Protein backbone atom coordinates (compact mmCIF):
# COMPACT_ATOMS: atom_id res chain seq x y z
CA MET A 1 42.08 7.71 -28.42
CA PRO A 2 39.74 10.53 -29.57
CA LYS A 3 36.07 10.22 -28.70
CA SER A 4 35.08 10.03 -32.35
CA ARG A 5 36.97 6.78 -33.00
CA ALA A 6 36.59 3.27 -31.64
CA GLY A 7 40.16 2.26 -32.47
CA SER A 8 41.68 -0.58 -34.46
CA ALA A 9 40.05 -3.95 -35.11
CA THR A 10 42.23 -5.51 -32.40
CA ASP A 11 41.25 -2.82 -29.93
CA ARG A 12 37.54 -3.24 -30.74
CA LEU A 13 37.80 -7.00 -30.22
CA HIS A 14 39.35 -6.43 -26.80
CA ARG A 15 36.60 -3.99 -25.94
CA ILE A 16 33.89 -6.50 -26.88
CA GLU A 17 35.56 -9.13 -24.69
CA VAL A 18 35.40 -6.67 -21.81
CA VAL A 19 31.68 -6.20 -22.39
CA THR A 20 31.06 -9.97 -22.27
CA ASP A 21 33.30 -10.71 -19.31
CA ALA A 22 32.31 -14.01 -17.66
CA ALA A 23 32.53 -12.29 -14.27
CA LEU A 24 29.10 -10.80 -15.02
CA ALA A 25 27.46 -14.22 -15.21
CA HIS A 26 26.09 -14.15 -11.66
CA LEU A 27 24.19 -10.87 -12.03
CA GLU A 28 20.41 -10.57 -12.40
CA VAL A 29 19.11 -8.95 -15.55
CA GLU A 30 18.82 -5.34 -14.33
CA ARG A 31 22.24 -5.37 -12.66
CA LEU A 32 23.72 -7.13 -15.67
CA LEU A 33 22.39 -4.45 -18.00
CA GLU A 34 23.70 -1.68 -15.75
CA GLU A 35 27.18 -3.23 -15.74
CA LEU A 36 27.21 -3.74 -19.48
CA LEU A 37 25.90 -0.24 -20.15
CA GLY A 38 28.51 1.27 -17.84
CA ARG A 39 31.27 -0.43 -19.80
CA ILE A 40 29.79 0.49 -23.17
CA ARG A 41 29.44 4.13 -22.15
CA GLU A 42 33.03 4.21 -20.93
CA LEU A 43 34.42 2.52 -24.03
CA LEU A 44 32.58 4.87 -26.37
CA ALA A 45 33.23 7.93 -24.17
CA ALA A 46 29.50 8.64 -24.27
CA ASP A 47 27.39 10.45 -21.68
CA THR A 48 24.48 8.00 -21.57
CA ALA A 49 23.85 4.36 -22.45
CA THR A 50 20.30 2.97 -22.35
CA VAL A 51 18.45 -0.27 -23.07
CA LEU A 52 14.76 -0.36 -23.97
CA LEU A 53 13.05 -3.75 -24.16
CA LEU A 54 9.91 -4.76 -26.01
CA ASP A 55 6.85 -5.04 -23.76
CA ALA A 56 4.36 -7.90 -23.70
CA SER A 57 2.09 -6.26 -26.28
CA GLY A 58 4.87 -5.89 -28.83
CA GLU A 59 3.73 -2.29 -29.35
CA HIS A 60 6.04 -0.34 -27.01
CA LEU A 61 9.67 -0.22 -25.92
CA VAL A 62 10.09 0.26 -22.16
CA THR A 63 13.29 1.61 -20.60
CA ARG A 64 14.75 -1.19 -18.50
CA ALA A 65 18.28 0.05 -17.70
CA SER A 66 20.32 3.20 -18.18
CA VAL A 67 23.63 4.66 -17.13
CA GLY A 68 23.68 8.43 -17.22
CA MET A 69 19.89 8.70 -17.60
CA GLU A 70 18.67 6.57 -14.69
CA GLU A 71 15.49 8.61 -14.29
CA ALA A 72 14.16 7.05 -17.52
CA VAL A 73 13.98 3.70 -15.71
CA ARG A 74 12.39 5.19 -12.58
CA GLN A 75 9.77 6.92 -14.73
CA GLY A 76 8.97 3.83 -16.80
CA ALA A 77 9.72 5.81 -19.98
CA ARG A 78 8.30 4.11 -23.05
CA VAL A 79 8.23 4.62 -26.80
CA ARG A 80 5.70 3.32 -29.30
CA ILE A 81 7.14 1.16 -32.05
CA GLY A 82 7.69 3.30 -35.14
CA GLU A 83 7.86 6.60 -33.21
CA GLY A 84 10.92 8.54 -32.09
CA PHE A 85 14.53 7.43 -32.42
CA ALA A 86 14.29 4.05 -30.67
CA GLY A 87 10.88 3.30 -32.19
CA ARG A 88 12.24 3.80 -35.71
CA ILE A 89 15.18 1.49 -35.01
CA ALA A 90 12.69 -1.12 -33.79
CA THR A 91 10.80 -0.86 -37.07
CA SER A 92 13.81 -0.89 -39.39
CA ARG A 93 15.92 -3.33 -37.35
CA GLN A 94 18.91 -1.24 -38.49
CA PRO A 95 21.50 0.89 -36.64
CA ALA A 96 20.90 4.63 -36.72
CA VAL A 97 22.58 7.89 -35.78
CA LEU A 98 20.79 11.13 -34.87
CA HIS A 99 22.62 14.46 -34.85
CA HIS A 100 19.73 16.69 -33.77
CA VAL A 101 17.73 15.80 -30.64
CA ASP A 102 14.56 17.69 -29.75
CA GLU A 103 10.81 17.13 -29.53
CA THR A 104 10.59 16.82 -33.31
CA THR A 105 13.00 13.86 -33.52
CA VAL A 106 12.52 11.95 -30.24
CA VAL A 107 9.41 11.31 -28.15
CA ASN A 108 11.03 10.84 -24.73
CA PRO A 109 11.20 14.31 -23.12
CA ILE A 110 13.95 13.14 -20.75
CA LEU A 111 16.41 13.15 -23.65
CA TRP A 112 16.08 16.82 -24.45
CA HIS A 113 15.69 17.80 -20.78
CA ARG A 114 19.05 16.07 -20.26
CA GLY A 115 20.57 18.12 -23.05
CA ILE A 116 21.38 15.13 -25.28
CA ARG A 117 22.41 16.39 -28.71
CA SER A 118 23.56 13.24 -30.52
CA LEU A 119 22.42 9.61 -30.41
CA ALA A 120 23.62 6.31 -31.85
CA GLY A 121 21.50 3.20 -31.54
CA VAL A 122 21.24 -0.44 -32.60
CA PRO A 123 18.52 -3.11 -32.43
CA LEU A 124 18.86 -5.92 -29.88
CA ILE A 125 18.30 -9.23 -31.66
CA ALA A 126 19.01 -12.72 -30.30
CA ASP A 127 18.55 -15.81 -32.49
CA GLY A 128 16.37 -13.81 -34.86
CA GLN A 129 14.11 -12.50 -32.08
CA PHE A 130 13.85 -8.73 -31.66
CA LEU A 131 14.19 -7.82 -27.98
CA GLY A 132 14.68 -4.06 -27.91
CA VAL A 133 17.06 -1.19 -28.62
CA LEU A 134 20.42 -0.08 -27.22
CA HIS A 135 21.44 3.54 -27.67
CA VAL A 136 24.16 5.87 -26.44
CA GLY A 137 23.98 9.66 -26.24
CA ALA A 138 26.27 12.67 -26.05
CA VAL A 139 25.53 16.11 -24.63
CA THR A 140 27.85 17.67 -27.19
CA ALA A 141 27.41 17.67 -30.95
CA ARG A 142 29.16 14.50 -32.01
CA ARG A 143 29.54 12.46 -35.17
CA PHE A 144 29.60 8.77 -34.25
CA SER A 145 31.98 7.04 -36.64
CA ASP A 146 31.31 3.87 -38.60
CA ALA A 147 33.79 2.08 -36.35
CA GLU A 148 31.93 3.22 -33.23
CA LEU A 149 28.60 2.15 -34.70
CA GLU A 150 30.10 -1.22 -35.60
CA PHE A 151 31.35 -1.67 -32.04
CA LEU A 152 27.94 -0.67 -30.67
CA GLY A 153 26.29 -3.24 -32.94
CA VAL A 154 28.51 -6.10 -31.77
CA ALA A 155 28.14 -5.02 -28.15
CA GLY A 156 24.37 -4.92 -28.73
CA ASP A 157 24.45 -8.51 -29.95
CA ARG A 158 26.16 -9.55 -26.72
CA VAL A 159 23.71 -7.54 -24.63
CA ALA A 160 20.77 -9.14 -26.45
CA MET A 161 22.05 -12.68 -25.93
CA ALA A 162 22.86 -12.11 -22.27
CA THR A 163 19.50 -10.46 -21.66
CA ARG A 164 17.54 -13.25 -23.29
CA ASN A 165 19.43 -15.90 -21.32
CA ARG A 166 18.87 -14.08 -18.03
CA MET A 167 15.17 -13.43 -18.66
CA THR A 168 14.47 -17.09 -19.34
CA GLY A 169 16.86 -18.74 -16.92
CA THR A 170 16.11 -17.70 -13.32
CA GLY A 171 13.26 -17.83 -10.85
CA HIS A 172 13.60 -14.09 -10.28
CA ALA A 173 13.28 -13.54 -14.00
CA ALA A 174 10.22 -15.78 -14.03
CA ALA A 175 8.59 -13.63 -11.35
CA LEU A 176 9.37 -10.45 -13.30
CA SER A 177 7.98 -12.06 -16.42
CA LEU A 178 4.80 -13.03 -14.56
CA GLN A 179 4.30 -9.48 -13.35
CA ARG A 180 4.90 -7.86 -16.73
CA THR A 181 2.78 -10.28 -18.73
CA LEU A 182 -0.16 -9.77 -16.36
CA LEU A 183 -0.12 -6.03 -16.94
CA PRO A 184 -2.11 -5.20 -20.07
CA GLY A 185 0.26 -5.01 -23.02
CA ALA A 186 -2.19 -3.21 -25.28
CA LEU A 187 -4.99 -1.16 -23.74
CA PRO A 188 -8.40 -1.81 -25.32
CA GLU A 189 -9.77 0.58 -27.91
CA ILE A 190 -12.96 2.25 -26.70
CA ALA A 191 -14.72 4.72 -28.97
CA GLY A 192 -14.73 8.06 -27.16
CA LEU A 193 -11.87 7.24 -24.76
CA ASP A 194 -8.10 7.61 -24.99
CA MET A 195 -5.80 5.75 -22.58
CA ALA A 196 -2.15 5.35 -21.58
CA ALA A 197 -0.31 3.65 -18.72
CA ARG A 198 3.07 3.32 -17.08
CA TYR A 199 4.71 0.75 -14.83
CA ALA A 200 8.06 1.53 -13.21
CA PRO A 201 9.93 -0.81 -10.83
CA GLY A 202 11.28 0.59 -7.58
CA ASP A 203 14.93 0.67 -6.59
CA ALA A 204 14.31 -1.93 -3.88
CA GLY A 205 14.49 -4.59 -6.58
CA GLY A 206 12.47 -7.75 -6.93
CA VAL A 207 8.83 -7.85 -7.94
CA SER A 208 5.81 -6.26 -6.33
CA GLY A 209 2.05 -6.55 -6.39
CA ASP A 210 1.26 -3.28 -8.19
CA TRP A 211 -1.12 -3.71 -11.12
CA TYR A 212 -3.63 -1.99 -13.35
CA ASP A 213 -6.20 -3.49 -15.69
CA VAL A 214 -8.77 -2.26 -18.20
CA PHE A 215 -11.49 -4.31 -19.89
CA LYS A 216 -14.88 -4.15 -21.57
CA LEU A 217 -18.03 -5.96 -20.45
CA PRO A 218 -20.66 -7.57 -22.70
CA SER A 219 -23.15 -4.97 -21.41
CA GLY A 220 -21.16 -2.14 -23.04
CA TRP A 221 -19.76 -0.87 -19.72
CA PHE A 222 -16.03 -0.21 -19.49
CA CYS A 223 -14.01 -1.05 -16.36
CA ALA A 224 -10.67 0.05 -14.95
CA THR A 225 -8.93 -1.19 -11.83
CA ILE A 226 -5.68 -0.42 -10.09
CA GLY A 227 -4.23 -2.03 -6.99
CA ASP A 228 -1.26 -2.76 -4.78
CA VAL A 229 -0.75 -6.03 -2.90
CA VAL A 230 1.11 -5.47 0.38
CA GLY A 231 4.59 -7.02 0.23
CA ARG A 232 7.07 -7.93 -2.46
CA GLY A 233 8.37 -11.00 -4.21
CA LEU A 234 6.80 -13.88 -6.07
CA ASP A 235 4.03 -14.28 -3.46
CA ALA A 236 2.84 -10.70 -3.99
CA ALA A 237 3.00 -11.04 -7.78
CA THR A 238 1.06 -14.31 -7.63
CA VAL A 239 -1.67 -12.83 -5.42
CA MET A 240 -1.85 -9.85 -7.75
CA ALA A 241 -2.48 -12.21 -10.66
CA ARG A 242 -5.27 -13.98 -8.78
CA LEU A 243 -6.97 -10.75 -7.71
CA ARG A 244 -6.86 -9.38 -11.25
CA THR A 245 -8.56 -12.52 -12.53
CA ALA A 246 -11.11 -12.51 -9.70
CA ILE A 247 -12.12 -8.90 -10.39
CA ARG A 248 -12.74 -9.70 -14.04
CA SER A 249 -14.89 -12.65 -13.04
CA TYR A 250 -16.96 -10.74 -10.47
CA ALA A 251 -17.36 -7.81 -12.88
CA LEU A 252 -19.31 -10.02 -15.29
CA ASP A 253 -22.07 -10.46 -12.69
CA SER A 254 -22.30 -7.02 -11.11
CA ALA A 255 -22.83 -3.42 -12.21
CA ASP A 256 -21.81 -2.07 -8.78
CA PRO A 257 -18.09 -1.60 -8.02
CA ALA A 258 -18.72 -1.83 -4.26
CA GLU A 259 -20.30 -5.25 -4.73
CA VAL A 260 -17.31 -6.40 -6.80
CA LEU A 261 -14.87 -5.28 -4.10
CA THR A 262 -17.01 -6.93 -1.40
CA LYS A 263 -16.72 -10.23 -3.24
CA LEU A 264 -12.99 -9.65 -3.74
CA ASP A 265 -12.59 -9.03 -0.01
CA ARG A 266 -14.27 -12.36 0.77
CA HIS A 267 -12.05 -14.03 -1.83
CA ILE A 268 -8.77 -12.77 -0.36
CA ARG A 269 -9.78 -13.41 3.26
CA HIS A 270 -10.69 -17.01 2.42
CA PHE A 271 -8.06 -17.98 -0.15
CA GLU A 272 -5.18 -15.58 0.75
CA PRO A 273 -5.66 -15.08 4.51
CA ASN A 274 -2.21 -13.57 5.11
CA MET A 275 -2.37 -11.01 2.30
CA MET A 276 -3.90 -7.56 1.94
CA ALA A 277 -4.30 -5.17 -0.98
CA THR A 278 -5.56 -1.70 -1.78
CA VAL A 279 -7.81 -1.53 -4.85
CA GLY A 280 -9.56 1.15 -6.85
CA TYR A 281 -12.29 -0.08 -9.20
CA ALA A 282 -14.24 2.11 -11.65
CA MET A 283 -16.98 1.42 -14.18
CA TRP A 284 -17.96 3.78 -17.00
CA GLU A 285 -21.52 3.79 -18.27
CA PRO A 286 -21.83 3.07 -22.01
CA SER A 287 -22.51 6.78 -22.60
CA LEU A 288 -19.13 7.52 -20.88
CA GLY A 289 -20.85 10.42 -19.11
CA ARG A 290 -20.62 8.91 -15.61
CA MET A 291 -18.05 6.86 -13.73
CA HIS A 292 -19.00 4.59 -10.81
CA LEU A 293 -16.07 4.31 -8.39
CA SER A 294 -15.32 2.33 -5.22
CA LEU A 295 -12.04 2.54 -3.28
CA ALA A 296 -10.71 -0.18 -0.96
CA GLY A 297 -7.94 1.61 0.91
CA HIS A 298 -6.66 3.07 -2.36
CA LEU A 299 -5.71 6.64 -3.17
CA THR A 300 -8.35 8.82 -4.83
CA PRO A 301 -7.82 9.32 -8.59
CA VAL A 302 -7.18 12.81 -9.91
CA MET A 303 -9.76 14.27 -12.29
CA ALA A 304 -8.90 17.09 -14.67
CA PRO A 305 -11.82 18.63 -16.60
CA ASP A 306 -11.09 20.26 -19.94
CA ASN A 307 -9.63 23.76 -19.42
CA ALA A 308 -10.01 23.55 -15.62
CA PRO A 309 -7.71 22.76 -12.68
CA ALA A 310 -7.32 19.16 -11.57
CA GLN A 311 -9.09 18.03 -8.42
CA LEU A 312 -9.39 15.10 -6.05
CA PRO A 313 -13.11 14.19 -6.02
CA ASP A 314 -14.84 13.60 -2.71
CA VAL A 315 -14.91 9.79 -2.65
CA PRO A 316 -15.12 7.76 0.59
CA VAL A 317 -12.31 5.25 1.11
CA ASP A 318 -13.26 1.88 2.60
CA PRO A 319 -10.78 -0.58 4.18
CA PRO A 320 -8.36 -2.54 1.96
CA VAL A 321 -9.41 -6.01 0.87
CA GLY A 322 -8.08 -8.64 3.27
CA ALA A 323 -7.84 -6.17 6.17
CA GLY A 324 -10.55 -7.90 8.21
CA LEU A 325 -14.27 -7.52 8.66
CA VAL A 326 -15.59 -4.27 7.18
CA PRO A 327 -17.72 -2.35 9.72
CA ARG A 328 -20.13 -1.00 7.07
CA PRO A 329 -21.12 -1.92 3.51
CA ARG A 330 -18.60 -0.79 0.90
CA ARG A 331 -19.63 2.33 -0.99
CA THR A 332 -19.83 3.40 -4.63
CA THR A 333 -19.65 7.03 -5.71
CA VAL A 334 -21.04 8.18 -9.07
CA LEU A 335 -19.01 10.95 -10.72
CA ASP A 336 -19.87 13.00 -13.81
CA VAL A 337 -17.20 12.77 -16.52
CA GLU A 338 -17.62 15.67 -18.91
CA PRO A 339 -16.13 15.54 -22.43
CA GLY A 340 -12.42 16.34 -22.32
CA THR A 341 -11.98 15.15 -18.71
CA ALA A 342 -8.87 13.14 -17.84
CA VAL A 343 -8.88 10.66 -14.94
CA LEU A 344 -5.54 9.55 -13.48
CA PHE A 345 -5.25 6.40 -11.34
CA TYR A 346 -1.95 5.64 -9.55
CA THR A 347 -0.34 3.59 -6.80
CA ASP A 348 1.28 5.14 -3.73
CA GLY A 349 4.84 4.83 -5.05
CA LEU A 350 4.11 7.86 -7.24
CA ILE A 351 3.58 10.34 -4.40
CA GLU A 352 5.08 8.86 -1.22
CA ARG A 353 8.65 9.87 -0.33
CA ARG A 354 10.54 9.76 2.96
CA HIS A 355 11.44 13.44 2.65
CA ARG A 356 7.99 14.64 1.52
CA PRO A 357 4.62 14.55 3.34
CA LEU A 358 1.81 12.73 1.53
CA ASP A 359 -0.29 15.90 1.27
CA GLU A 360 2.59 17.67 -0.43
CA GLY A 361 2.91 14.85 -2.96
CA LEU A 362 -0.83 14.98 -3.70
CA ALA A 363 -0.69 18.76 -4.14
CA LEU A 364 2.21 18.41 -6.57
CA LEU A 365 0.27 15.78 -8.51
CA ARG A 366 -2.78 18.04 -8.79
CA ASP A 367 -0.55 20.81 -10.11
CA VAL A 368 0.88 18.55 -12.82
CA VAL A 369 -2.26 16.76 -14.03
CA ARG A 370 -4.28 18.49 -16.72
CA SER A 371 -6.63 17.41 -19.44
CA GLY A 372 -4.88 16.34 -22.62
CA PRO A 373 -3.69 13.29 -24.52
CA PRO A 374 -2.89 10.54 -21.97
CA GLU A 375 0.54 9.53 -23.34
CA PRO A 376 2.24 12.91 -22.78
CA LEU A 377 0.23 13.30 -19.57
CA CYS A 378 1.80 10.11 -18.17
CA SER A 379 5.26 11.26 -19.28
CA ASP A 380 4.80 14.66 -17.61
CA VAL A 381 3.53 13.12 -14.36
CA MET A 382 6.47 10.71 -14.14
CA LEU A 383 8.93 13.46 -15.05
CA ARG A 384 7.65 15.84 -12.36
CA LEU A 385 6.73 13.40 -9.58
CA VAL A 386 9.60 10.93 -9.98
CA GLY A 387 12.32 12.66 -12.00
CA ALA A 388 15.70 11.36 -10.89
CA ASP A 389 14.51 10.82 -7.31
CA PRO A 390 14.98 7.14 -6.27
CA THR A 391 11.97 5.37 -4.80
CA ASP A 392 11.91 1.91 -3.25
CA ASP A 393 8.30 1.33 -4.24
CA ASP A 394 7.00 0.34 -7.66
CA ILE A 395 4.68 2.69 -9.52
CA ALA A 396 1.63 1.90 -11.63
CA LEU A 397 -0.08 4.73 -13.48
CA LEU A 398 -3.23 4.69 -15.64
CA ALA A 399 -4.62 7.75 -17.46
CA ILE A 400 -8.05 7.67 -19.13
CA ARG A 401 -9.48 10.66 -20.98
CA ARG A 402 -12.95 11.12 -22.36
CA GLU A 403 -12.37 12.69 -25.73
CA PRO A 404 -13.64 16.26 -26.21
CA ASP A 405 -17.18 16.61 -27.52
CA THR A 406 -16.68 17.17 -31.22
CA THR A 407 -19.52 16.71 -33.66
CA THR A 408 -18.12 14.24 -36.13
CA PRO A 409 -20.11 13.37 -39.27
CA GLU A 410 -18.73 9.83 -39.36
CA LEU A 411 -18.77 6.75 -37.17
CA THR A 412 -16.79 3.62 -38.08
CA LEU A 413 -16.64 0.44 -35.98
CA THR A 414 -14.88 -2.81 -36.85
CA LEU A 415 -15.88 -5.64 -34.53
CA GLU A 416 -15.73 -9.38 -34.04
CA ALA A 417 -18.92 -11.14 -35.20
CA VAL A 418 -19.87 -12.30 -31.70
CA PRO A 419 -22.95 -11.43 -29.58
CA GLU A 420 -20.87 -9.34 -27.15
CA SER A 421 -20.03 -6.87 -29.94
CA LEU A 422 -23.69 -5.85 -30.27
CA ALA A 423 -23.54 -4.11 -26.88
CA GLU A 424 -20.52 -2.11 -28.07
CA VAL A 425 -22.41 -1.08 -31.21
CA ARG A 426 -25.33 0.12 -29.10
CA ALA A 427 -23.04 2.05 -26.74
CA ALA A 428 -21.26 3.77 -29.65
CA LEU A 429 -24.59 4.72 -31.27
CA ARG A 430 -25.87 6.20 -28.01
CA ARG A 431 -22.78 8.41 -27.86
CA TRP A 432 -22.62 9.42 -31.52
CA LEU A 433 -26.20 9.86 -32.74
CA PRO A 434 -27.16 12.72 -30.36
CA THR A 435 -24.11 14.69 -31.59
CA VAL A 436 -25.48 14.70 -35.17
CA GLY A 437 -29.01 15.79 -34.26
CA ALA A 438 -30.82 12.49 -33.64
CA THR A 439 -33.93 12.69 -31.47
CA ASP A 440 -34.81 10.05 -28.89
CA ASP A 441 -37.12 8.41 -31.46
CA ASP A 442 -34.35 8.42 -34.06
CA LEU A 443 -31.98 6.85 -31.56
CA ASP A 444 -34.42 4.11 -30.56
CA ASP A 445 -35.25 3.24 -34.17
CA LEU A 446 -31.64 3.21 -35.40
CA LEU A 447 -30.62 1.04 -32.46
CA VAL A 448 -33.14 -1.51 -33.71
CA VAL A 449 -32.16 -1.23 -37.39
CA ILE A 450 -28.41 -1.46 -36.89
CA GLY A 451 -28.78 -3.93 -34.03
CA GLU A 452 -30.81 -6.28 -36.25
CA ALA A 453 -28.26 -5.94 -39.05
CA GLY A 454 -25.44 -6.75 -36.64
CA ALA A 455 -27.35 -9.67 -35.12
CA ASN A 456 -27.87 -11.10 -38.61
CA VAL A 457 -24.12 -10.95 -39.22
CA VAL A 458 -23.44 -12.76 -35.94
CA GLU A 459 -25.97 -15.48 -36.74
CA HIS A 460 -25.64 -15.93 -40.50
CA ALA A 461 -22.36 -14.59 -41.89
CA TYR A 462 -19.73 -16.90 -40.47
CA GLY A 463 -19.28 -20.45 -39.32
CA PRO A 464 -17.39 -21.67 -36.25
CA GLY A 465 -14.21 -19.90 -37.38
CA GLY A 466 -15.84 -16.51 -36.86
CA GLY A 467 -15.03 -13.24 -38.58
CA ARG A 468 -15.44 -9.48 -38.37
CA PHE A 469 -17.99 -6.91 -39.49
CA GLU A 470 -17.94 -3.16 -40.04
CA VAL A 471 -20.49 -0.48 -39.19
CA ARG A 472 -19.93 2.76 -41.11
CA LEU A 473 -22.31 5.74 -40.76
CA THR A 474 -22.23 9.32 -42.01
CA ALA A 475 -24.47 12.29 -41.18
CA SER A 476 -25.35 15.38 -43.19
CA ASP A 477 -28.40 17.61 -43.67
CA ARG A 478 -30.27 15.86 -40.83
CA ARG A 479 -29.84 12.52 -42.52
CA VAL A 480 -27.94 9.41 -41.36
CA GLU A 481 -26.90 6.83 -43.89
CA GLY A 482 -24.39 4.03 -43.95
CA THR A 483 -23.65 0.34 -44.17
CA VAL A 484 -23.27 -2.78 -42.07
CA ARG A 485 -20.81 -4.99 -43.96
CA ASP A 486 -19.43 -8.51 -43.47
CA GLN A 487 -17.16 -10.74 -45.55
CA GLY A 488 -18.84 -14.05 -44.82
CA ASN A 489 -20.91 -16.54 -46.75
CA TRP A 490 -24.55 -15.99 -45.90
CA ARG A 491 -26.23 -18.99 -44.28
CA SER A 492 -29.94 -19.68 -44.25
CA ALA A 493 -31.96 -18.72 -41.19
CA ARG A 494 -32.71 -21.44 -38.69
CA GLY A 495 -36.27 -22.00 -37.54
CA THR A 496 -39.52 -20.39 -38.69
CA ASN A 497 -40.81 -16.81 -38.76
CA ARG A 498 -37.29 -15.49 -39.21
CA GLY A 499 -38.05 -12.69 -41.71
CA ARG A 500 -39.67 -10.27 -39.27
CA GLY A 501 -36.39 -8.62 -38.34
CA THR A 502 -35.84 -7.46 -41.90
CA GLN A 503 -39.42 -6.18 -42.13
CA LEU A 504 -38.93 -4.18 -38.92
CA MET A 505 -35.67 -2.72 -40.25
CA GLN A 506 -37.48 -1.54 -43.39
CA GLN A 507 -40.31 0.02 -41.39
CA LEU A 508 -37.90 2.01 -39.22
CA SER A 509 -35.72 3.22 -42.12
CA ASP A 510 -36.42 5.62 -44.95
CA GLU A 511 -34.34 3.45 -47.26
CA LEU A 512 -33.00 -0.07 -46.78
CA ARG A 513 -31.54 -2.68 -49.08
CA ILE A 514 -29.49 -5.81 -48.59
CA GLU A 515 -26.95 -7.02 -51.16
CA HIS A 516 -25.10 -10.35 -51.22
CA ASP A 517 -22.03 -11.00 -53.35
CA ASP A 518 -18.89 -13.14 -53.33
CA GLY A 519 -17.22 -10.69 -50.94
CA GLY A 520 -19.93 -10.83 -48.28
CA THR A 521 -23.16 -9.06 -47.40
CA THR A 522 -23.85 -5.33 -47.17
CA VAL A 523 -26.87 -3.67 -45.56
CA TYR A 524 -27.43 -0.14 -46.90
CA LEU A 525 -29.62 2.08 -44.71
CA CYS A 526 -30.82 5.65 -44.57
CA ARG A 527 -32.82 7.53 -41.93
CA ASN A 528 -34.03 11.13 -42.02
CA LEU A 529 -33.73 12.68 -38.58
CA GLY A 530 -36.47 14.34 -36.61
CA ASN A 531 -39.28 14.57 -39.17
CA ARG A 532 -40.90 11.14 -39.30
CA PRO A 533 -44.67 10.90 -38.73
């Protein structure tokens, strides 16, 4: 039968039965997908067959299995919903065919590096739940027929059902689910930072204790951690989950990464006496200009300044947590992070290979890393360091870039009306105001004005159900003006002497007015920069 046809209805039915053969029932989800994809590729005479599944955040598709393009799994290739070929199928929930594959039509560079010229894909949906995307590719220009697309759709239905059943029906699947749900699905949005991450399972199978985490503190500091629990299996994944939670807890009470890791070491030696882990923990000051870093047996992150070669900063490495008594206090190193600098954290599976010395892997990594948007940076690192080379170890990768210093005349923040958001407002103002010409006095006064307006929203605008508020500022001709806006119903102040905040706001502004209407409350403010008495 020619490649461009799927055959008669009877033939297609037989082919679908082959795809859903009961003999596959004993396989775990990854092996099941590989078997199914191998049969689909053969039956459609395609060159590649790939499954991408929705991650925990619901924002990305992650490559889970592939035949003919196995490196996409090893590299943890991912696609944002709505972008590229698979991302558009995820949005439309409809089959699609692509006859021209390059960087303008797909976002996964592996596809065009592989020479794929044509793609056909279908959504994976089981009982109304969207799970991911199945697509097949050809290295020659090819027109997939309606019959072939119909077969792919029915095969995709079987793949979706089998995948869902496997992922919810075994202890192994439960361990995988635990590991994936504990990795951040959506990285937090931090004004002035851009972030991306990858997680790729090793060929050894099972689950591991690799993890990364990113979170904000009420103080306005931003934290990132990466680690690797020694061992594999459900025990390692469970310990990983506990350490991740412990770090978040200790971080609330300490501004020193070394102190956090000291507490974590005590935690693991007491509660997990037979386990050990390497951990890297970093804290960014609210200005984002400096990073405080402590390493517990973990590899040094790579730093790539804007328009400069990447480097491994000189950071002392203390013993892993759980390794035993530490002979000296753990250490924290403070590193300058200039605008445009990218910082790459990673676990050892990225650079360690049996056939390659560790120093050679680190040198290769330094050659690949450069400042730029984190998403393509992660893709390039995985493409160059992993490629199609099998590795038994899992890989976690986290890229954080301080955005280049561009003087922007606008600042917009949308935040939850909770006290913790006030620290984020202050941190954003400290970063933005100096770029538009604010003096130290301007900065101090505007922190008070906008902080009081935000505090009033937190206290008065909403009831127990909570809500959100927006800070919007513009700058021009040495003048800052803007609004603090909520959509709540203003409540009376509690207690006495509660009008002084508004008086102070008026004194520190050149113009200030407060308006209430059915849609909420708006504070209008204006401040001339640098020329107040």
